[in-house]
N, C-alpha and C. Protein backbone atom coordinates (compact mmCIF):
# COMPACT_ATOMS: atom_id res chain seq x y z
N MET A 1 61.80 216.18 190.74
CA MET A 1 60.98 215.00 190.67
C MET A 1 59.58 215.35 191.16
N GLY A 2 58.62 214.53 190.76
CA GLY A 2 57.24 214.82 191.08
C GLY A 2 56.86 214.49 192.51
N ARG A 3 55.72 214.98 192.90
CA ARG A 3 55.20 214.80 194.25
C ARG A 3 55.03 213.31 194.59
N GLY A 4 54.57 212.52 193.61
CA GLY A 4 54.37 211.09 193.84
C GLY A 4 55.66 210.38 194.25
N PHE A 5 56.77 210.80 193.68
CA PHE A 5 58.06 210.20 194.01
C PHE A 5 58.36 210.38 195.49
N PHE A 6 58.14 211.59 195.99
CA PHE A 6 58.43 211.87 197.39
C PHE A 6 57.44 211.16 198.32
N ILE A 7 56.21 211.04 197.91
CA ILE A 7 55.24 210.30 198.71
C ILE A 7 55.65 208.84 198.80
N PHE A 8 56.10 208.29 197.68
CA PHE A 8 56.55 206.90 197.67
C PHE A 8 57.73 206.70 198.60
N ILE A 9 58.72 207.56 198.51
CA ILE A 9 59.91 207.45 199.36
C ILE A 9 59.51 207.61 200.82
N ALA A 10 58.65 208.55 201.13
CA ALA A 10 58.18 208.75 202.50
C ALA A 10 57.46 207.50 202.99
N GLY A 11 56.67 206.89 202.13
CA GLY A 11 55.96 205.66 202.50
C GLY A 11 56.92 204.54 202.84
N LEU A 12 57.97 204.40 202.06
CA LEU A 12 58.96 203.37 202.37
C LEU A 12 59.65 203.65 203.69
N ALA A 13 59.95 204.93 203.94
CA ALA A 13 60.62 205.29 205.19
C ALA A 13 59.72 205.01 206.39
N LEU A 14 58.43 205.28 206.27
CA LEU A 14 57.51 205.08 207.38
C LEU A 14 57.16 203.62 207.60
N PHE A 15 56.93 202.89 206.53
CA PHE A 15 56.40 201.54 206.65
C PHE A 15 57.40 200.44 206.31
N GLY A 16 58.50 200.78 205.70
CA GLY A 16 59.49 199.78 205.35
C GLY A 16 59.12 199.03 204.09
N ALA A 17 60.07 198.33 203.53
CA ALA A 17 59.86 197.63 202.28
C ALA A 17 59.21 196.26 202.48
N ASP A 18 59.08 195.81 203.71
CA ASP A 18 58.55 194.46 203.96
C ASP A 18 57.04 194.42 204.16
N ASN A 19 56.37 195.53 204.01
CA ASN A 19 54.93 195.55 204.28
C ASN A 19 54.08 195.31 203.04
N GLY A 20 54.68 194.93 201.93
CA GLY A 20 53.91 194.69 200.72
C GLY A 20 54.06 195.81 199.71
N ILE A 21 54.61 196.96 200.10
CA ILE A 21 54.83 198.04 199.14
C ILE A 21 55.83 197.56 198.10
N ALA A 22 56.89 196.96 198.57
CA ALA A 22 57.91 196.43 197.66
C ALA A 22 58.31 195.05 198.15
N ARG A 23 58.21 194.05 197.33
CA ARG A 23 58.50 192.68 197.73
C ARG A 23 60.00 192.38 197.67
N ASP A 24 60.72 193.07 196.82
CA ASP A 24 62.17 192.89 196.75
C ASP A 24 62.78 194.15 196.17
N ALA A 25 64.09 194.18 196.12
CA ALA A 25 64.78 195.39 195.65
C ALA A 25 64.40 195.75 194.22
N ASN A 26 64.21 194.76 193.36
CA ASN A 26 63.85 195.04 191.97
C ASN A 26 62.49 195.69 191.87
N VAL A 27 61.53 195.23 192.65
CA VAL A 27 60.20 195.82 192.62
C VAL A 27 60.26 197.24 193.16
N GLY A 28 60.97 197.44 194.26
CA GLY A 28 61.10 198.79 194.82
C GLY A 28 61.72 199.75 193.83
N GLN A 29 62.75 199.30 193.14
CA GLN A 29 63.39 200.13 192.13
C GLN A 29 62.42 200.41 190.99
N SER A 30 61.66 199.42 190.59
CA SER A 30 60.69 199.61 189.52
C SER A 30 59.61 200.60 189.93
N LEU A 31 59.20 200.57 191.19
CA LEU A 31 58.19 201.52 191.65
C LEU A 31 58.69 202.95 191.57
N VAL A 32 59.95 203.15 191.92
CA VAL A 32 60.53 204.49 191.82
C VAL A 32 60.55 204.93 190.36
N ILE A 33 60.95 204.04 189.46
CA ILE A 33 60.97 204.36 188.04
C ILE A 33 59.56 204.67 187.55
N ALA A 34 58.59 203.86 187.95
CA ALA A 34 57.21 204.08 187.52
C ALA A 34 56.69 205.42 188.00
N GLN A 35 57.07 205.85 189.18
CA GLN A 35 56.61 207.14 189.68
C GLN A 35 57.25 208.28 188.90
N ALA A 36 58.50 208.11 188.49
CA ALA A 36 59.20 209.17 187.78
C ALA A 36 58.71 209.31 186.33
N ARG A 37 58.29 208.21 185.71
CA ARG A 37 57.81 208.21 184.33
C ARG A 37 56.31 208.02 184.35
N ARG A 38 55.56 208.97 183.87
CA ARG A 38 54.12 208.91 184.03
C ARG A 38 53.32 208.73 182.75
N THR A 39 53.93 208.34 181.65
CA THR A 39 53.17 208.08 180.43
C THR A 39 53.67 206.80 179.77
N CYS A 40 52.79 206.23 178.95
CA CYS A 40 53.18 205.01 178.24
C CYS A 40 54.31 205.27 177.25
N LYS A 41 54.40 206.46 176.74
CA LYS A 41 55.48 206.76 175.79
C LYS A 41 56.85 206.71 176.44
N THR A 42 56.90 206.87 177.76
CA THR A 42 58.20 206.93 178.43
C THR A 42 58.62 205.62 179.09
N VAL A 43 57.73 204.63 179.16
CA VAL A 43 58.13 203.37 179.78
C VAL A 43 58.91 202.52 178.78
N SER A 44 59.81 201.70 179.31
CA SER A 44 60.65 200.90 178.42
C SER A 44 60.40 199.41 178.54
N SER A 45 59.52 199.01 179.47
CA SER A 45 59.23 197.58 179.62
C SER A 45 57.79 197.39 180.07
N CYS A 46 57.28 196.21 179.83
CA CYS A 46 55.93 195.88 180.26
C CYS A 46 55.85 195.88 181.78
N ARG A 47 56.88 195.39 182.44
CA ARG A 47 56.92 195.39 183.91
C ARG A 47 56.75 196.80 184.45
N GLU A 48 57.47 197.72 183.88
CA GLU A 48 57.38 199.12 184.29
C GLU A 48 55.97 199.67 184.05
N ALA A 49 55.39 199.31 182.93
CA ALA A 49 54.03 199.76 182.60
C ALA A 49 53.01 199.21 183.58
N VAL A 50 53.14 197.93 183.92
CA VAL A 50 52.20 197.30 184.86
C VAL A 50 52.30 197.97 186.23
N ILE A 51 53.49 198.20 186.69
CA ILE A 51 53.67 198.85 187.99
C ILE A 51 53.07 200.26 187.98
N MET A 52 53.35 201.00 186.95
CA MET A 52 52.81 202.35 186.83
C MET A 52 51.28 202.32 186.83
N TRP A 53 50.70 201.39 186.10
CA TRP A 53 49.26 201.23 186.00
C TRP A 53 48.66 200.88 187.35
N ARG A 54 49.26 199.91 188.04
CA ARG A 54 48.75 199.48 189.34
C ARG A 54 48.93 200.54 190.41
N GLU A 55 49.86 201.45 190.21
CA GLU A 55 50.09 202.53 191.16
C GLU A 55 49.19 203.74 190.90
N GLY A 56 48.28 203.62 189.93
CA GLY A 56 47.29 204.67 189.77
C GLY A 56 47.22 205.37 188.43
N TYR A 57 48.08 205.05 187.50
CA TYR A 57 48.02 205.70 186.19
C TYR A 57 47.00 204.95 185.32
N SER A 58 45.73 205.28 185.52
CA SER A 58 44.64 204.56 184.85
C SER A 58 44.64 204.73 183.34
N ARG A 59 45.20 205.82 182.84
CA ARG A 59 45.25 206.04 181.39
C ARG A 59 46.13 205.00 180.69
N ALA A 60 46.93 204.28 181.44
CA ALA A 60 47.78 203.25 180.83
C ALA A 60 46.94 202.17 180.15
N ASP A 61 45.72 201.95 180.67
CA ASP A 61 44.81 200.97 180.07
C ASP A 61 43.53 201.70 179.66
N ALA A 62 43.67 202.61 178.74
CA ALA A 62 42.55 203.47 178.32
C ALA A 62 41.38 202.68 177.75
N ASP A 63 41.66 201.58 177.05
CA ASP A 63 40.57 200.79 176.45
C ASP A 63 40.03 199.72 177.40
N LYS A 64 40.57 199.66 178.63
CA LYS A 64 40.08 198.77 179.70
C LYS A 64 40.08 197.28 179.31
N ASP A 65 41.11 196.87 178.57
CA ASP A 65 41.20 195.46 178.19
C ASP A 65 42.15 194.67 179.10
N GLY A 66 42.67 195.33 180.13
CA GLY A 66 43.57 194.65 181.07
C GLY A 66 45.02 194.64 180.63
N ILE A 67 45.33 195.37 179.56
CA ILE A 67 46.71 195.45 179.06
C ILE A 67 47.14 196.92 179.07
N PRO A 68 48.01 197.29 180.01
CA PRO A 68 48.48 198.67 180.03
C PRO A 68 49.57 198.90 179.00
N CYS A 69 49.67 200.08 178.52
CA CYS A 69 50.75 200.49 177.61
C CYS A 69 51.03 199.44 176.54
N GLU A 70 50.11 199.30 175.64
CA GLU A 70 50.22 198.26 174.61
C GLU A 70 51.42 198.45 173.69
N ASN A 71 52.09 199.59 173.79
CA ASN A 71 53.32 199.79 173.04
C ASN A 71 54.46 198.92 173.59
N VAL A 72 54.37 198.48 174.86
CA VAL A 72 55.40 197.63 175.44
C VAL A 72 54.86 196.31 176.00
N CYS A 73 53.56 196.22 176.22
CA CYS A 73 52.94 194.98 176.72
C CYS A 73 52.18 194.31 175.58
N PRO A 74 52.69 193.21 175.06
CA PRO A 74 52.08 192.60 173.88
C PRO A 74 50.78 191.83 174.13
N ASN A 75 50.59 191.33 175.39
CA ASN A 75 49.39 190.53 175.63
C ASN A 75 49.05 190.46 177.12
N LYS A 76 47.83 190.02 177.41
CA LYS A 76 47.35 189.95 178.79
C LYS A 76 48.06 188.86 179.58
N LYS A 77 48.49 187.81 178.93
CA LYS A 77 49.20 186.73 179.63
C LYS A 77 50.46 187.27 180.30
N LEU A 78 51.23 188.06 179.58
CA LEU A 78 52.45 188.65 180.14
C LEU A 78 52.09 189.60 181.29
N VAL A 79 51.07 190.40 181.10
CA VAL A 79 50.64 191.34 182.15
C VAL A 79 50.26 190.56 183.41
N ASP A 80 49.50 189.49 183.25
CA ASP A 80 49.08 188.68 184.40
C ASP A 80 50.28 188.03 185.09
N GLU A 81 51.26 187.59 184.34
CA GLU A 81 52.48 187.00 184.93
C GLU A 81 53.23 188.03 185.75
N ILE A 82 53.33 189.24 185.23
CA ILE A 82 54.02 190.30 185.95
C ILE A 82 53.26 190.67 187.22
N ARG A 83 51.94 190.78 187.10
CA ARG A 83 51.11 191.11 188.27
C ARG A 83 51.29 190.06 189.36
N ALA A 84 51.33 188.79 188.98
CA ALA A 84 51.51 187.72 189.97
C ALA A 84 52.88 187.80 190.63
N GLU A 85 53.89 188.13 189.83
CA GLU A 85 55.27 188.26 190.35
C GLU A 85 55.38 189.36 191.39
N ILE A 86 54.76 190.50 191.12
CA ILE A 86 54.90 191.65 192.00
C ILE A 86 53.82 191.72 193.06
N GLY A 87 52.88 190.80 193.01
CA GLY A 87 51.87 190.71 194.05
C GLY A 87 50.75 191.71 193.97
N CYS A 88 50.27 191.95 192.76
CA CYS A 88 49.11 192.86 192.67
C CYS A 88 48.08 192.29 191.72
């Protein structure tokens, strides 16, 4: 697994899941998935794409329209709903 995966796990161990890194088990699990998959071709959901994008994969929104990985995120409304859900 990549370096980012281990940094994420170390962060959870040091700071815990209640500090805003992960709001619930589903978000924490999604963050691990997002760290393991680093391209839009490999994500399987818009939620996963949004998390990956917010965690630093700027190429997910190459055209800077606010919609990451347009292969799985159909519109900005859905992206905004997901961002609100996960707190970013």
